[in-house]
Structure formats: C-alpha cells, structure tokens
C-alpha cells in the first residue's frame, strides 16, 4: 500500500540529495562511510571530538594536573574512593587555586552521585 502511494522518482531524488550532501562534506574533509549518516549530520548542531577525531561520549575528564611546579596524575576521587593513594594533595594551596580556577572558568555541571 505504501509503495503505491510514493512517487517513483522520490527515492531517486532522496538518493541524489544525500549523495550531493556527502560530496559537499567530503570537500570539507568530513569522511562519510554510510550515505544514511549524511541525513543525521544535517540535524547536528555540535560534534565533539578529541584531537584524533574520535567522537566523545560527552564526558570530559582531566588526566593530569599541574600545580606548584609539579605534574600529578589526576585520578578521579569518585571512582577510586577515599583510600586510594593519590599523587596530588587537595589541601595544598596551589591545588586549591587550580581547583578554584577550574570551577570559575567552567560551565560544567558537576554530578555528586557515584558513577554507574
């Protein structure tokens, strides 16, 4: 029933439109592996990726912190817990200044619940 109601040229028109869009994206160095992905990209307002071009999961975390002239691995307190031996000292005045600058300079929403 649906096939009888759709004009025969509509499928060709959609395919040509998607192909032209894929060509425009390729000129802008966007790799499209599947033609169906072009349709989704048309409704996208923001794409987040790291320096290698890998798409992120909308989660950004710091891996290292530098304060008071020393570089420390930034382990997550929510994941590792209170008994883990951390390289950084949260009571250090330099760390507190870094923490304050990170909070003031960010629009991130902090979740106080434990990760799943």
C-alpha atoms as a PDB file:
ATOM      1  CA  UNK A   1       0.000   0.000   0.000  1.00  0.00           C
ATOM      2  CA  UNK A   2       2.779   2.468   0.951  1.00  0.00           C
ATOM      3  CA  UNK A   3       4.794   1.651  -2.175  1.00  0.00           C
ATOM      4  CA  UNK A   4       1.804   2.521  -4.374  1.00  0.00           C
ATOM      5  CA  UNK A   5       1.423   5.959  -2.730  1.00  0.00           C
ATOM      6  CA  UNK A   6       5.087   7.048  -3.018  1.00  0.00           C
ATOM      7  CA  UNK A   7       6.029   8.575  -6.364  1.00  0.00           C
ATOM      8  CA  UNK A   8       8.627   6.541  -8.228  1.00  0.00           C
ATOM      9  CA  UNK A   9      11.040   9.445  -8.503  1.00  0.00           C
ATOM     10  CA  UNK A  10      11.080  10.228  -4.779  1.00  0.00           C
ATOM     11  CA  UNK A  11      13.599   7.515  -3.894  1.00  0.00           C
ATOM     12  CA  UNK A  12      15.943   8.667  -6.657  1.00  0.00           C
ATOM     13  CA  UNK A  13      15.587  12.290  -5.549  1.00  0.00           C
ATOM     14  CA  UNK A  14      16.449  11.449  -1.933  1.00  0.00           C
ATOM     15  CA  UNK A  15      19.483   9.391  -3.004  1.00  0.00           C
ATOM     16  CA  UNK A  16      20.761  12.182  -5.264  1.00  0.00           C
ATOM     17  CA  UNK A  17      20.253  14.747  -2.486  1.00  0.00           C
ATOM     18  CA  UNK A  18      22.155  12.641   0.028  1.00  0.00           C
ATOM     19  CA  UNK A  19      24.937  11.994  -2.488  1.00  0.00           C
ATOM     20  CA  UNK A  20      25.360  15.713  -3.214  1.00  0.00           C
ATOM     21  CA  UNK A  21      25.465  16.438   0.513  1.00  0.00           C
ATOM     22  CA  UNK A  22      28.090  13.726   1.001  1.00  0.00           C
ATOM     23  CA  UNK A  23      30.165  15.299  -1.779  1.00  0.00           C
ATOM     24  CA  UNK A  24      29.983  18.723  -0.097  1.00  0.00           C
ATOM     25  CA  UNK A  25      31.012  17.152   3.206  1.00  0.00           C
ATOM     26  CA  UNK A  26      33.966  15.376   1.568  1.00  0.00           C
ATOM     27  CA  UNK A  27      35.202  18.707   0.183  1.00  0.00           C
ATOM     28  CA  UNK A  28      35.277  19.930   3.788  1.00  0.00           C
ATOM     29  CA  UNK A  29      37.341  16.871   4.839  1.00  0.00           C
ATOM     30  CA  UNK A  30      34.389  15.070   6.500  1.00  0.00           C
ATOM     31  CA  UNK A  31      34.551  11.319   5.952  1.00  0.00           C
ATOM     32  CA  UNK A  32      31.158   9.719   5.337  1.00  0.00           C
ATOM     33  CA  UNK A  33      31.222   5.933   5.340  1.00  0.00           C
ATOM     34  CA  UNK A  34      27.477   5.396   5.008  1.00  0.00           C
ATOM     35  CA  UNK A  35      25.061   7.518   2.999  1.00  0.00           C
ATOM     36  CA  UNK A  36      22.468   7.235   5.776  1.00  0.00           C
ATOM     37  CA  UNK A  37      24.819   9.112   8.112  1.00  0.00           C
ATOM     38  CA  UNK A  38      24.524  12.241   5.967  1.00  0.00           C
ATOM     39  CA  UNK A  39      20.843  12.553   6.856  1.00  0.00           C
ATOM     40  CA  UNK A  40      21.689  12.549  10.563  1.00  0.00           C
ATOM     41  CA  UNK A  41      24.517  15.053  10.129  1.00  0.00           C
ATOM     42  CA  UNK A  42      22.070  17.563   8.657  1.00  0.00           C
ATOM     43  CA  UNK A  43      20.339  17.892  12.025  1.00  0.00           C
ATOM     44  CA  UNK A  44      23.571  18.082  14.053  1.00  0.00           C
ATOM     45  CA  UNK A  45      24.455  21.398  15.677  1.00  0.00           C
ATOM     46  CA  UNK A  46      27.611  20.334  17.556  1.00  0.00           C
ATOM     47  CA  UNK A  47      30.065  17.447  17.146  1.00  0.00           C
ATOM     48  CA  UNK A  48      32.582  16.879  19.952  1.00  0.00           C
ATOM     49  CA  UNK A  49      35.796  15.036  19.143  1.00  0.00           C
ATOM     50  CA  UNK A  50      39.290  14.745  20.535  1.00  0.00           C
ATOM     51  CA  UNK A  51      42.491  15.649  18.682  1.00  0.00           C
ATOM     52  CA  UNK A  52      42.456  12.338  16.777  1.00  0.00           C
ATOM     53  CA  UNK A  53      38.908  12.924  15.529  1.00  0.00           C
ATOM     54  CA  UNK A  54      37.338  10.282  17.727  1.00  0.00           C
ATOM     55  CA  UNK A  55      33.809  11.175  18.776  1.00  0.00           C
ATOM     56  CA  UNK A  56      33.436  11.644  22.517  1.00  0.00           C
ATOM     57  CA  UNK A  57      30.675  10.449  24.808  1.00  0.00           C
ATOM     58  CA  UNK A  58      30.026  13.961  26.167  1.00  0.00           C
ATOM     59  CA  UNK A  59      32.310  13.237  29.122  1.00  0.00           C
ATOM     60  CA  UNK A  60      35.464  15.259  29.585  1.00  0.00           C
ATOM     61  CA  UNK A  61      37.954  14.385  32.341  1.00  0.00           C
ATOM     62  CA  UNK A  62      41.400  15.655  33.238  1.00  0.00           C
ATOM     63  CA  UNK A  63      44.165  13.058  33.134  1.00  0.00           C
ATOM     64  CA  UNK A  64      46.921  15.200  34.722  1.00  0.00           C
ATOM     65  CA  UNK A  65      47.100  18.319  36.889  1.00  0.00           C
ATOM     66  CA  UNK A  66      49.993  20.734  37.191  1.00  0.00           C
ATOM     67  CA  UNK A  67      50.265  22.962  40.245  1.00  0.00           C
ATOM     68  CA  UNK A  68      53.008  24.319  42.496  1.00  0.00           C
ATOM     69  CA  UNK A  69      55.630  23.324  39.906  1.00  0.00           C
ATOM     70  CA  UNK A  70      54.764  19.618  39.852  1.00  0.00           C
ATOM     71  CA  UNK A  71      52.817  17.367  37.498  1.00  0.00           C
ATOM     72  CA  UNK A  72      50.458  14.817  39.060  1.00  0.00           C
ATOM     73  CA  UNK A  73      48.155  12.159  37.675  1.00  0.00           C
ATOM     74  CA  UNK A  74      44.548  13.293  38.193  1.00  0.00           C
ATOM     75  CA  UNK A  75      42.782  10.210  39.500  1.00  0.00           C
ATOM     76  CA  UNK A  76      39.022  10.525  39.972  1.00  0.00           C
ATOM     77  CA  UNK A  77      38.030  10.519  43.656  1.00  0.00           C
ATOM     78  CA  UNK A  78      34.511   9.286  42.923  1.00  0.00           C
ATOM     79  CA  UNK A  79      35.820   6.234  41.077  1.00  0.00           C
ATOM     80  CA  UNK A  80      38.906   5.410  43.181  1.00  0.00           C
ATOM     81  CA  UNK A  81      37.483   6.193  46.631  1.00  0.00           C
ATOM     82  CA  UNK A  82      38.982   7.752  49.754  1.00  0.00           C
ATOM     83  CA  UNK A  83      41.545   5.002  50.440  1.00  0.00           C
ATOM     84  CA  UNK A  84      43.383   5.298  47.098  1.00  0.00           C
ATOM     85  CA  UNK A  85      46.910   6.797  47.235  1.00  0.00           C
ATOM     86  CA  UNK A  86      46.633   9.975  45.124  1.00  0.00           C
ATOM     87  CA  UNK A  87      49.624  11.858  43.700  1.00  0.00           C
ATOM     88  CA  UNK A  88      48.017  15.239  44.366  1.00  0.00           C
ATOM     89  CA  UNK A  89      47.208  16.847  47.711  1.00  0.00           C
ATOM     90  CA  UNK A  90      43.778  18.512  47.773  1.00  0.00           C
ATOM     91  CA  UNK A  91      44.824  20.565  50.826  1.00  0.00           C
ATOM     92  CA  UNK A  92      47.805  22.156  49.050  1.00  0.00           C
ATOM     93  CA  UNK A  93      47.217  25.911  48.455  1.00  0.00           C
ATOM     94  CA  UNK A  94      48.396  25.539  44.847  1.00  0.00           C
ATOM     95  CA  UNK A  95      45.886  22.750  44.243  1.00  0.00           C
ATOM     96  CA  UNK A  96      43.107  24.799  45.821  1.00  0.00           C
ATOM     97  CA  UNK A  97      43.951  27.716  43.479  1.00  0.00           C
ATOM     98  CA  UNK A  98      43.904  25.365  40.490  1.00  0.00           C
ATOM     99  CA  UNK A  99      40.588  23.907  41.631  1.00  0.00           C
ATOM    100  CA  UNK A 100      39.066  27.371  42.069  1.00  0.00           C
ATOM    101  CA  UNK A 101      40.258  28.475  38.619  1.00  0.00           C
ATOM    102  CA  UNK A 102      38.810  25.313  37.061  1.00  0.00           C
ATOM    103  CA  UNK A 103      35.435  25.851  38.714  1.00  0.00           C
ATOM    104  CA  UNK A 104      35.220  29.574  37.909  1.00  0.00           C
ATOM    105  CA  UNK A 105      36.371  29.079  34.300  1.00  0.00           C
ATOM    106  CA  UNK A 106      33.964  26.234  33.564  1.00  0.00           C
ATOM    107  CA  UNK A 107      30.280  25.929  32.800  1.00  0.00           C
ATOM    108  CA  UNK A 108      30.292  22.204  33.534  1.00  0.00           C
ATOM    109  CA  UNK A 109      27.642  20.669  35.750  1.00  0.00           C
ATOM    110  CA  UNK A 110      29.145  18.534  38.495  1.00  0.00           C
ATOM    111  CA  UNK A 111      27.332  15.354  39.465  1.00  0.00           C
ATOM    112  CA  UNK A 112      27.797  14.387  43.097  1.00  0.00           C
ATOM    113  CA  UNK A 113      26.375  10.906  42.639  1.00  0.00           C
ATOM    114  CA  UNK A 114      28.707   7.973  42.170  1.00  0.00           C
ATOM    115  CA  UNK A 115      29.198   6.814  38.576  1.00  0.00           C
ATOM    116  CA  UNK A 116      27.322   3.726  37.472  1.00  0.00           C
END
